[in-house]
Protein backbone atom coordinates (compact mmCIF):
# COMPACT_ATOMS: atom_id res chain seq x y z
CA MET A 1 -156.82 5.07 -66.74
CA ARG A 2 -160.59 4.81 -66.15
CA PHE A 3 -160.05 4.77 -62.38
CA ILE A 4 -157.78 7.84 -62.50
CA PHE A 5 -160.28 9.69 -64.68
CA GLY A 6 -163.12 8.87 -62.27
CA LEU A 7 -161.07 9.81 -59.23
CA ASN A 8 -160.13 13.19 -60.66
CA PHE A 9 -163.68 13.86 -61.79
CA TYR A 10 -165.00 12.92 -58.35
CA GLN A 11 -162.45 15.23 -56.73
CA GLN A 12 -163.71 18.08 -58.95
CA ASN A 13 -160.47 18.23 -60.94
CA VAL A 14 -162.41 18.39 -64.18
CA SER A 15 -159.64 19.75 -66.40
CA LEU A 16 -157.29 16.93 -65.41
CA ALA A 17 -160.09 14.40 -65.85
CA VAL A 18 -160.72 15.70 -69.39
CA GLN A 19 -157.00 15.48 -70.22
CA GLN A 20 -156.92 11.89 -69.00
CA MET A 21 -160.07 11.04 -70.97
CA ASP A 22 -158.47 12.47 -74.12
CA LYS A 23 -155.29 10.47 -73.52
CA ALA A 24 -157.26 7.28 -72.93
CA ARG A 25 -159.25 7.88 -76.13
CA SER A 26 -156.03 8.25 -78.10
CA LEU A 27 -154.78 4.92 -76.70
CA ALA A 28 -158.02 2.98 -77.13
CA SER A 29 -160.16 4.68 -79.76
CA ASP A 30 -162.19 1.52 -80.39
CA CYS A 31 -163.26 0.94 -76.78
CA LEU A 32 -167.01 1.05 -76.16
CA MET A 33 -166.69 1.41 -72.38
CA LEU A 34 -164.42 4.42 -72.78
CA ALA A 35 -166.94 5.98 -75.17
CA ILE A 36 -169.73 5.32 -72.64
CA ASN A 37 -167.63 7.03 -69.97
CA GLN A 38 -167.37 10.05 -72.27
CA VAL A 39 -171.18 10.13 -72.60
CA ASN A 40 -171.55 9.83 -68.82
CA PHE A 41 -169.10 12.70 -68.38
CA SER A 42 -171.22 14.87 -70.68
CA VAL A 43 -174.36 13.95 -68.72
CA SER A 44 -172.75 14.72 -65.37
CA SER A 45 -171.48 18.02 -66.81
CA GLN A 46 -175.09 18.90 -67.77
CA LYS A 47 -174.26 18.78 -71.49
CA LEU A 48 -177.29 16.66 -72.36
CA PRO A 49 -177.64 17.57 -76.06
CA GLN A 50 -173.95 16.70 -76.54
CA ALA A 51 -174.45 13.46 -74.59
CA LEU A 52 -177.38 12.54 -76.83
CA GLU A 53 -175.29 13.01 -79.97
CA GLN A 54 -172.47 10.96 -78.45
CA ALA A 55 -174.87 8.18 -77.45
CA LYS A 56 -176.41 8.10 -80.93
CA ALA A 57 -172.89 7.76 -82.34
CA LEU A 58 -172.35 4.76 -80.04
CA VAL A 59 -175.30 2.85 -81.47
CA GLU A 60 -174.17 3.69 -84.99
CA ARG A 61 -170.68 2.35 -84.26
CA TRP A 62 -171.74 -0.62 -82.07
CA PRO A 63 -175.31 -1.44 -83.18
CA ALA A 64 -175.11 -5.03 -81.92
CA ASP A 65 -173.96 -4.15 -78.39
CA PRO A 66 -176.66 -3.80 -75.71
CA ALA A 67 -174.39 -1.49 -73.68
CA ALA A 68 -174.50 1.13 -76.46
CA TRP A 69 -178.31 0.98 -76.68
CA SER A 70 -178.63 1.05 -72.91
CA CYS A 71 -176.43 4.14 -72.77
CA LEU A 72 -178.63 5.84 -75.36
CA GLY A 73 -181.71 4.94 -73.31
CA SER A 74 -180.19 6.47 -70.19
CA VAL A 75 -179.43 9.75 -71.97
CA GLN A 76 -182.91 9.87 -73.48
CA ASN A 77 -184.34 9.25 -70.02
CA ASN A 78 -182.24 12.12 -68.62
CA LEU A 79 -183.72 14.34 -71.34
CA ASP A 80 -187.23 13.28 -70.20
CA LEU A 81 -187.89 11.28 -73.36
CA PRO A 82 -189.27 8.10 -71.75
CA SER A 83 -190.82 6.70 -74.94
CA ASP A 84 -187.53 7.02 -76.83
CA ALA A 85 -185.65 5.59 -73.86
CA MET A 86 -188.01 2.62 -73.67
CA GLN A 87 -187.43 1.89 -77.36
CA SER A 88 -183.65 2.00 -76.88
CA TRP A 89 -183.88 -0.32 -73.88
CA LYS A 90 -186.13 -2.69 -75.84
CA THR A 91 -183.48 -2.78 -78.56
CA ALA A 92 -180.82 -3.59 -75.94
CA LEU A 93 -183.02 -6.35 -74.54
CA GLY A 94 -183.52 -7.72 -78.04
CA LEU A 95 -179.75 -8.14 -78.18
CA ASP A 96 -179.46 -9.55 -74.64
CA ALA A 97 -182.68 -10.32 -72.76
CA ASN A 98 -180.83 -10.28 -69.43
CA TRP A 99 -179.01 -6.94 -69.81
CA PHE A 100 -179.37 -5.47 -66.30
CA ASP A 101 -179.14 -1.77 -67.21
CA ALA A 102 -181.82 -2.13 -69.88
CA LEU A 103 -184.13 -4.11 -67.57
CA ALA A 104 -183.76 -1.53 -64.81
CA GLY A 105 -184.14 1.40 -67.19
CA TYR A 106 -187.20 -0.05 -68.89
CA ALA A 107 -188.85 -0.70 -65.51
CA SER A 108 -188.11 2.85 -64.39
CA SER A 109 -189.54 4.29 -67.60
CA LEU A 110 -192.72 2.32 -67.12
CA VAL A 111 -193.10 3.97 -63.70
CA GLN A 112 -192.45 7.40 -65.26
CA THR A 113 -195.17 6.82 -67.84
CA GLY A 114 -197.74 5.77 -65.24
CA LYS A 115 -197.55 2.01 -65.81
CA ALA A 116 -196.70 0.98 -62.25
CA GLN A 117 -198.43 -2.42 -62.46
CA GLU A 118 -196.59 -3.38 -65.63
CA SER A 119 -193.28 -2.16 -64.18
CA LEU A 120 -193.35 -4.67 -61.31
CA ALA A 121 -192.51 -7.67 -63.48
CA TRP A 122 -189.67 -5.71 -65.07
CA PHE A 123 -188.33 -4.65 -61.67
CA ASP A 124 -188.42 -8.31 -60.58
CA ARG A 125 -186.41 -9.30 -63.66
CA ALA A 126 -183.91 -6.47 -63.11
CA LEU A 127 -183.43 -7.20 -59.41
CA ALA A 128 -182.91 -10.90 -60.17
CA ARG A 129 -180.08 -9.98 -62.54
CA MET A 130 -178.44 -7.30 -60.42
CA PRO A 131 -174.65 -7.59 -60.49
CA ALA A 132 -173.29 -9.79 -57.69
CA GLY A 133 -172.49 -7.91 -54.52
CA SER A 134 -174.68 -4.95 -55.50
CA GLY A 135 -177.48 -3.53 -53.45
CA VAL A 136 -179.31 -0.42 -52.44
CA GLU A 137 -176.05 1.52 -52.04
CA GLU A 138 -175.16 1.08 -55.72
CA TYR A 139 -178.70 1.41 -57.10
CA PRO A 140 -180.76 3.53 -54.68
CA ASN A 141 -182.98 4.94 -57.42
CA LEU A 142 -183.89 1.46 -58.63
CA TYR A 143 -185.03 0.44 -55.16
CA PHE A 144 -186.90 3.72 -54.63
CA GLN A 145 -188.77 3.41 -57.93
CA HIS A 146 -189.58 -0.22 -57.22
CA ALA A 147 -191.00 0.74 -53.81
CA TRP A 148 -192.97 3.57 -55.43
CA ALA A 149 -194.44 1.17 -58.01
CA LEU A 150 -195.38 -1.28 -55.24
CA ASN A 151 -197.03 1.58 -53.36
CA ARG A 152 -198.96 2.73 -56.44
CA THR A 153 -200.34 -0.78 -56.87
CA GLY A 154 -201.31 -1.08 -53.20
CA ARG A 155 -198.69 -3.70 -52.37
CA PHE A 156 -196.46 -1.58 -50.10
CA ALA A 157 -197.12 1.44 -47.89
CA LEU A 158 -194.49 4.16 -47.91
């Protein structure tokens, strides 16, 4: 169901994607990953205030899951709330110190807040825990921000 939803959304068939999301929710109402997909759909539809409310509901429902906190951090980052995002990612990392999305998000927020030097250690941790088989194609922004931080600290010329 998740694949079909994503395929229809990618093909710009938004109404069918929404119908499939609703059907999937009715079949698996207690599924965190489905709820995260709903938040991501709101973000990609430029409904950021709605996405924030949905993400806050995730951490209320699944407070011990780093994926929920990482999702909240991502939405807060999209709303240009880097301090709030960093706190959400710290919470996720408190639950799982190796959570890739939280490591990458925290590193990126450090860059956004002008802490390029501090971000380098976080980028190193994130890149060391990148999902197997992943690379620049899957995470271009992560690599770009890492290169930018290296440049800002004089360790790499763009």
